[in-house]
Amino acid sequence: MGAQDGHILPHIPHEESDMAAYIIGLRRSEPRGTAWLEAYLSKTAALIAKHGGTALIGGNTPQALIALEGAASPPLSVVVVEFPSRAHAHAFHNDPDYAPLQQLRQANIDLEVFVVEPV
């Protein structure tokens, strides 16, 4: 079991807190078309708001990511969405209304998605 199964990785404690949480998406490929974006972005934005989230970075705007350290290439873009808590972030990601949008995104773009709380 791992992150792809929606489970917490073994080294991450699973206690809930009232601390803000962030969903971070790292885009590693160019989109396979753009016709899907308008509907995806507007409907996803509404679901993010429904769960108390705020998009901080991302959307449909290009970003200039510059590596400061390390040899790895930076992702093509980054999405950062803030939620009031990890429970809110998980509720958004697991919302049945998000499932078809998630499938649409997965069919059109390669994105790694994580959730993190500040230390």
N, C-alpha and C. Protein backbone atom coordinates (compact mmCIF):
# COMPACT_ATOMS: atom_id res chain seq x y z
N MET A 1 0.84 -1.18 0.00
CA MET A 1 0.00 0.00 0.00
C MET A 1 0.89 1.24 0.00
N GLY A 2 0.48 2.24 -0.74
CA GLY A 2 1.26 3.46 -0.82
C GLY A 2 0.36 4.64 -1.09
N ALA A 3 0.99 5.74 -1.48
CA ALA A 3 0.25 6.97 -1.73
C ALA A 3 -0.77 6.79 -2.84
N GLN A 4 -0.45 5.97 -3.85
CA GLN A 4 -1.38 5.79 -4.94
C GLN A 4 -2.66 5.10 -4.50
N ASP A 5 -2.63 4.41 -3.38
CA ASP A 5 -3.81 3.75 -2.85
C ASP A 5 -4.60 4.66 -1.91
N GLY A 6 -4.13 5.90 -1.73
CA GLY A 6 -4.80 6.84 -0.84
C GLY A 6 -4.49 6.61 0.62
N HIS A 7 -3.42 5.89 0.90
CA HIS A 7 -3.04 5.62 2.29
C HIS A 7 -1.87 6.49 2.70
N ILE A 8 -1.79 6.73 3.97
CA ILE A 8 -0.68 7.49 4.52
C ILE A 8 0.57 6.63 4.45
N LEU A 9 1.67 7.22 4.02
CA LEU A 9 2.92 6.49 3.98
C LEU A 9 3.35 6.15 5.40
N PRO A 10 4.07 5.04 5.61
CA PRO A 10 4.39 4.57 6.96
C PRO A 10 5.11 5.58 7.83
N HIS A 11 5.93 6.44 7.25
CA HIS A 11 6.71 7.37 8.07
C HIS A 11 5.96 8.66 8.40
N ILE A 12 4.71 8.77 7.98
CA ILE A 12 3.93 9.97 8.25
C ILE A 12 2.88 9.65 9.31
N PRO A 13 2.89 10.36 10.44
CA PRO A 13 1.88 10.10 11.46
C PRO A 13 0.48 10.40 10.94
N HIS A 14 -0.50 9.66 11.43
CA HIS A 14 -1.86 9.76 10.91
C HIS A 14 -2.81 10.52 11.84
N GLU A 15 -2.30 11.22 12.85
CA GLU A 15 -3.20 11.96 13.72
C GLU A 15 -3.79 13.13 12.94
N GLU A 16 -5.03 13.45 13.25
CA GLU A 16 -5.67 14.61 12.64
C GLU A 16 -5.38 15.84 13.50
N SER A 17 -5.34 16.97 12.85
CA SER A 17 -5.14 18.22 13.58
C SER A 17 -5.97 19.30 12.91
N ASP A 18 -6.02 20.46 13.54
CA ASP A 18 -6.72 21.60 12.97
C ASP A 18 -5.75 22.47 12.18
N MET A 19 -4.57 21.97 11.93
CA MET A 19 -3.56 22.70 11.19
C MET A 19 -3.91 22.70 9.70
N ALA A 20 -3.60 23.79 9.02
CA ALA A 20 -3.82 23.85 7.58
C ALA A 20 -3.09 22.71 6.89
N ALA A 21 -3.60 22.31 5.75
CA ALA A 21 -2.96 21.27 4.94
C ALA A 21 -2.95 21.76 3.50
N TYR A 22 -2.00 21.26 2.75
CA TYR A 22 -1.81 21.70 1.37
C TYR A 22 -1.80 20.50 0.44
N ILE A 23 -2.60 20.57 -0.61
CA ILE A 23 -2.48 19.59 -1.69
C ILE A 23 -1.54 20.21 -2.71
N ILE A 24 -0.52 19.43 -3.07
CA ILE A 24 0.49 19.89 -4.01
C ILE A 24 0.48 18.96 -5.21
N GLY A 25 0.38 19.53 -6.39
CA GLY A 25 0.44 18.77 -7.63
C GLY A 25 1.66 19.18 -8.43
N LEU A 26 2.40 18.19 -8.93
CA LEU A 26 3.58 18.44 -9.74
C LEU A 26 3.33 17.89 -11.14
N ARG A 27 3.28 18.79 -12.12
CA ARG A 27 3.02 18.37 -13.50
C ARG A 27 4.34 18.06 -14.19
N ARG A 28 4.43 16.84 -14.72
CA ARG A 28 5.68 16.37 -15.34
C ARG A 28 5.57 16.24 -16.85
N SER A 29 4.38 16.45 -17.44
CA SER A 29 4.24 16.30 -18.88
C SER A 29 3.36 17.41 -19.43
N GLU A 30 3.45 17.61 -20.73
CA GLU A 30 2.56 18.56 -21.40
C GLU A 30 1.16 17.94 -21.46
N PRO A 31 0.12 18.76 -21.43
CA PRO A 31 -1.24 18.23 -21.54
C PRO A 31 -1.45 17.53 -22.89
N ARG A 32 -2.26 16.50 -22.87
CA ARG A 32 -2.64 15.81 -24.09
C ARG A 32 -3.94 16.44 -24.60
N GLY A 33 -3.83 17.67 -25.06
CA GLY A 33 -5.00 18.44 -25.49
C GLY A 33 -5.39 19.45 -24.44
N THR A 34 -6.25 20.41 -24.83
CA THR A 34 -6.65 21.46 -23.90
C THR A 34 -8.17 21.63 -23.80
N ALA A 35 -8.92 20.91 -24.61
CA ALA A 35 -10.38 21.08 -24.63
C ALA A 35 -11.01 20.80 -23.26
N TRP A 36 -10.40 19.97 -22.47
CA TRP A 36 -10.94 19.56 -21.18
C TRP A 36 -10.72 20.59 -20.08
N LEU A 37 -9.76 21.51 -20.28
CA LEU A 37 -9.31 22.39 -19.19
C LEU A 37 -10.38 23.32 -18.66
N GLU A 38 -11.15 23.97 -19.52
CA GLU A 38 -12.12 24.96 -19.05
C GLU A 38 -13.12 24.36 -18.08
N ALA A 39 -13.72 23.23 -18.46
CA ALA A 39 -14.69 22.58 -17.58
C ALA A 39 -14.02 22.06 -16.32
N TYR A 40 -12.84 21.46 -16.47
CA TYR A 40 -12.13 20.91 -15.32
C TYR A 40 -11.80 22.00 -14.31
N LEU A 41 -11.22 23.10 -14.77
CA LEU A 41 -10.77 24.15 -13.86
C LEU A 41 -11.95 24.80 -13.13
N SER A 42 -13.03 25.12 -13.82
CA SER A 42 -14.15 25.78 -13.16
C SER A 42 -14.85 24.86 -12.16
N LYS A 43 -15.07 23.61 -12.55
CA LYS A 43 -15.75 22.67 -11.65
C LYS A 43 -14.87 22.30 -10.46
N THR A 44 -13.58 22.14 -10.70
CA THR A 44 -12.66 21.82 -9.61
C THR A 44 -12.55 22.99 -8.64
N ALA A 45 -12.51 24.21 -9.17
CA ALA A 45 -12.45 25.39 -8.30
C ALA A 45 -13.66 25.45 -7.38
N ALA A 46 -14.84 25.12 -7.90
CA ALA A 46 -16.05 25.12 -7.08
C ALA A 46 -15.97 24.06 -5.98
N LEU A 47 -15.43 22.88 -6.30
CA LEU A 47 -15.30 21.83 -5.29
C LEU A 47 -14.24 22.19 -4.24
N ILE A 48 -13.17 22.82 -4.67
CA ILE A 48 -12.15 23.28 -3.72
C ILE A 48 -12.79 24.25 -2.72
N ALA A 49 -13.55 25.20 -3.23
CA ALA A 49 -14.22 26.17 -2.36
C ALA A 49 -15.23 25.49 -1.44
N LYS A 50 -15.95 24.50 -1.95
CA LYS A 50 -16.93 23.75 -1.15
C LYS A 50 -16.28 23.14 0.09
N HIS A 51 -15.02 22.74 -0.03
CA HIS A 51 -14.30 22.10 1.07
C HIS A 51 -13.39 23.07 1.81
N GLY A 52 -13.60 24.37 1.61
CA GLY A 52 -12.86 25.39 2.36
C GLY A 52 -11.48 25.66 1.83
N GLY A 53 -11.18 25.21 0.62
CA GLY A 53 -9.84 25.37 0.06
C GLY A 53 -9.67 26.65 -0.72
N THR A 54 -8.41 27.02 -0.89
CA THR A 54 -8.02 28.19 -1.66
C THR A 54 -6.83 27.83 -2.53
N ALA A 55 -6.94 28.07 -3.84
CA ALA A 55 -5.81 27.81 -4.73
C ALA A 55 -4.78 28.92 -4.52
N LEU A 56 -3.57 28.54 -4.18
CA LEU A 56 -2.49 29.51 -3.95
C LEU A 56 -1.59 29.66 -5.17
N ILE A 57 -1.30 28.55 -5.82
CA ILE A 57 -0.43 28.53 -6.99
C ILE A 57 -1.03 27.56 -7.98
N GLY A 58 -1.04 27.92 -9.25
CA GLY A 58 -1.47 26.98 -10.27
C GLY A 58 -2.63 27.46 -11.08
N GLY A 59 -3.34 26.52 -11.63
CA GLY A 59 -4.42 26.83 -12.54
C GLY A 59 -3.94 26.66 -13.97
N ASN A 60 -4.30 27.59 -14.80
CA ASN A 60 -3.99 27.48 -16.22
C ASN A 60 -2.91 28.48 -16.64
N THR A 61 -2.09 28.93 -15.70
CA THR A 61 -1.05 29.91 -16.04
C THR A 61 0.31 29.24 -16.02
N PRO A 62 1.15 29.53 -17.01
CA PRO A 62 2.49 28.94 -17.01
C PRO A 62 3.33 29.53 -15.88
N GLN A 63 4.25 28.74 -15.39
CA GLN A 63 5.12 29.17 -14.30
C GLN A 63 6.56 28.94 -14.69
N ALA A 64 7.43 29.80 -14.26
CA ALA A 64 8.86 29.62 -14.49
C ALA A 64 9.45 29.03 -13.22
N LEU A 65 9.68 27.73 -13.22
CA LEU A 65 10.26 27.06 -12.07
C LEU A 65 11.75 26.93 -12.30
N ILE A 66 12.50 27.35 -11.33
CA ILE A 66 13.96 27.32 -11.43
C ILE A 66 14.51 26.48 -10.30
N ALA A 67 15.29 25.47 -10.64
CA ALA A 67 15.90 24.62 -9.62
C ALA A 67 16.97 25.41 -8.88
N LEU A 68 16.90 25.40 -7.57
CA LEU A 68 17.91 26.07 -6.75
C LEU A 68 18.99 25.10 -6.31
N GLU A 69 18.62 23.84 -6.14
CA GLU A 69 19.58 22.82 -5.71
C GLU A 69 19.19 21.49 -6.34
N GLY A 70 20.18 20.62 -6.51
CA GLY A 70 19.93 19.28 -7.00
C GLY A 70 19.99 19.20 -8.51
N ALA A 71 20.10 17.98 -9.00
CA ALA A 71 20.26 17.75 -10.43
C ALA A 71 18.94 17.46 -11.13
N ALA A 72 17.89 17.21 -10.39
CA ALA A 72 16.61 16.86 -11.00
C ALA A 72 16.00 18.05 -11.73
N SER A 73 15.33 17.78 -12.82
CA SER A 73 14.62 18.83 -13.53
C SER A 73 13.37 19.20 -12.74
N PRO A 74 13.07 20.48 -12.65
CA PRO A 74 11.84 20.87 -11.93
C PRO A 74 10.62 20.44 -12.73
N PRO A 75 9.48 20.30 -12.06
CA PRO A 75 8.26 19.97 -12.79
C PRO A 75 7.91 21.12 -13.74
N LEU A 76 7.07 20.83 -14.72
CA LEU A 76 6.66 21.86 -15.67
C LEU A 76 5.78 22.91 -15.01
N SER A 77 5.02 22.49 -14.02
CA SER A 77 4.23 23.44 -13.23
C SER A 77 3.88 22.82 -11.89
N VAL A 78 3.46 23.67 -10.98
CA VAL A 78 3.11 23.25 -9.63
C VAL A 78 1.73 23.82 -9.30
N VAL A 79 0.93 23.03 -8.62
CA VAL A 79 -0.36 23.47 -8.10
C VAL A 79 -0.29 23.34 -6.59
N VAL A 80 -0.67 24.40 -5.87
CA VAL A 80 -0.72 24.35 -4.41
C VAL A 80 -2.10 24.86 -3.98
N VAL A 81 -2.82 24.02 -3.24
CA VAL A 81 -4.14 24.39 -2.74
C VAL A 81 -4.12 24.24 -1.23
N GLU A 82 -4.53 25.29 -0.54
CA GLU A 82 -4.56 25.28 0.93
C GLU A 82 -5.96 24.91 1.41
N PHE A 83 -6.02 24.03 2.41
CA PHE A 83 -7.27 23.64 3.06
C PHE A 83 -7.15 23.91 4.56
N PRO A 84 -8.27 24.08 5.25
CA PRO A 84 -8.21 24.35 6.69
C PRO A 84 -7.57 23.22 7.50
N SER A 85 -7.64 21.98 7.00
CA SER A 85 -7.07 20.84 7.71
C SER A 85 -6.83 19.71 6.71
N ARG A 86 -6.11 18.69 7.16
CA ARG A 86 -5.90 17.51 6.31
C ARG A 86 -7.24 16.82 6.04
N ALA A 87 -8.15 16.84 7.01
CA ALA A 87 -9.47 16.24 6.81
C ALA A 87 -10.21 16.94 5.67
N HIS A 88 -10.12 18.27 5.60
CA HIS A 88 -10.74 19.01 4.50
C HIS A 88 -10.10 18.64 3.16
N ALA A 89 -8.78 18.52 3.15
CA ALA A 89 -8.07 18.16 1.91
C ALA A 89 -8.50 16.78 1.43
N HIS A 90 -8.58 15.83 2.35
CA HIS A 90 -9.01 14.47 1.98
C HIS A 90 -10.47 14.46 1.55
N ALA A 91 -11.31 15.26 2.21
CA ALA A 91 -12.73 15.32 1.82
C ALA A 91 -12.87 15.84 0.40
N PHE A 92 -12.07 16.84 0.03
CA PHE A 92 -12.08 17.32 -1.35
C PHE A 92 -11.65 16.21 -2.30
N HIS A 93 -10.50 15.61 -2.02
CA HIS A 93 -9.93 14.62 -2.93
C HIS A 93 -10.82 13.39 -3.07
N ASN A 94 -11.56 13.06 -2.02
CA ASN A 94 -12.44 11.88 -2.03
C ASN A 94 -13.89 12.20 -2.36
N ASP A 95 -14.20 13.45 -2.64
CA ASP A 95 -15.57 13.87 -2.96
C ASP A 95 -16.04 13.13 -4.23
N PRO A 96 -17.19 12.46 -4.18
CA PRO A 96 -17.68 11.74 -5.36
C PRO A 96 -17.85 12.65 -6.59
N ASP A 97 -18.11 13.92 -6.36
CA ASP A 97 -18.24 14.86 -7.49
C ASP A 97 -16.89 15.15 -8.14
N TYR A 98 -15.79 14.90 -7.41
CA TYR A 98 -14.47 15.13 -7.96
C TYR A 98 -14.00 13.93 -8.80
N ALA A 99 -14.51 12.75 -8.54
CA ALA A 99 -14.04 11.53 -9.22
C ALA A 99 -14.04 11.66 -10.75
N PRO A 100 -15.14 12.12 -11.39
CA PRO A 100 -15.09 12.23 -12.85
C PRO A 100 -14.11 13.30 -13.32
N LEU A 101 -13.93 14.35 -12.53
CA LEU A 101 -12.96 15.40 -12.89
C LEU A 101 -11.54 14.86 -12.75
N GLN A 102 -11.32 14.08 -11.71
CA GLN A 102 -10.01 13.46 -11.51
C GLN A 102 -9.68 12.53 -12.68
N GLN A 103 -10.65 11.74 -13.11
CA GLN A 103 -10.45 10.84 -14.25
C GLN A 103 -10.16 11.63 -15.52
N LEU A 104 -10.85 12.74 -15.71
CA LEU A 104 -10.61 13.61 -16.87
C LEU A 104 -9.19 14.15 -16.85
N ARG A 105 -8.76 14.62 -15.68
CA ARG A 105 -7.39 15.14 -15.56
C ARG A 105 -6.37 14.04 -15.81
N GLN A 106 -6.57 12.89 -15.20
CA GLN A 106 -5.62 11.79 -15.34
C GLN A 106 -5.51 11.31 -16.79
N ALA A 107 -6.59 11.43 -17.56
CA ALA A 107 -6.55 11.03 -18.96
C ALA A 107 -5.81 12.04 -19.83
N ASN A 108 -5.63 13.26 -19.32
CA ASN A 108 -5.09 14.33 -20.15
C ASN A 108 -3.77 14.92 -19.68
N ILE A 109 -3.34 14.57 -18.49
CA ILE A 109 -2.09 15.16 -17.97
C ILE A 109 -1.50 14.25 -16.90
N ASP A 110 -0.18 14.24 -16.81
CA ASP A 110 0.51 13.47 -15.77
C ASP A 110 0.81 14.40 -14.60
N LEU A 111 0.20 14.13 -13.47
CA LEU A 111 0.34 14.98 -12.29
C LEU A 111 0.54 14.11 -11.07
N GLU A 112 1.60 14.37 -10.32
CA GLU A 112 1.79 13.71 -9.02
C GLU A 112 1.12 14.58 -7.98
N VAL A 113 0.35 13.97 -7.07
CA VAL A 113 -0.45 14.74 -6.10
C VAL A 113 -0.10 14.28 -4.69
N PHE A 114 0.13 15.25 -3.80
CA PHE A 114 0.52 14.98 -2.41
C PHE A 114 -0.32 15.86 -1.49
N VAL A 115 -0.43 15.47 -0.24
CA VAL A 115 -0.99 16.33 0.80
C VAL A 115 0.04 16.45 1.91
N VAL A 116 0.19 17.65 2.44
CA VAL A 116 1.19 17.91 3.48
C VAL A 116 0.64 18.94 4.46
N GLU A 117 1.05 18.81 5.72
CA GLU A 117 0.75 19.81 6.73
C GLU A 117 2.04 20.54 7.07
N PRO A 118 1.97 21.82 7.43
CA PRO A 118 3.20 22.50 7.86
C PRO A 118 3.74 21.88 9.13
N VAL A 119 5.00 22.04 9.34
CA VAL A 119 5.66 21.48 10.52
C VAL A 119 5.47 22.41 11.69
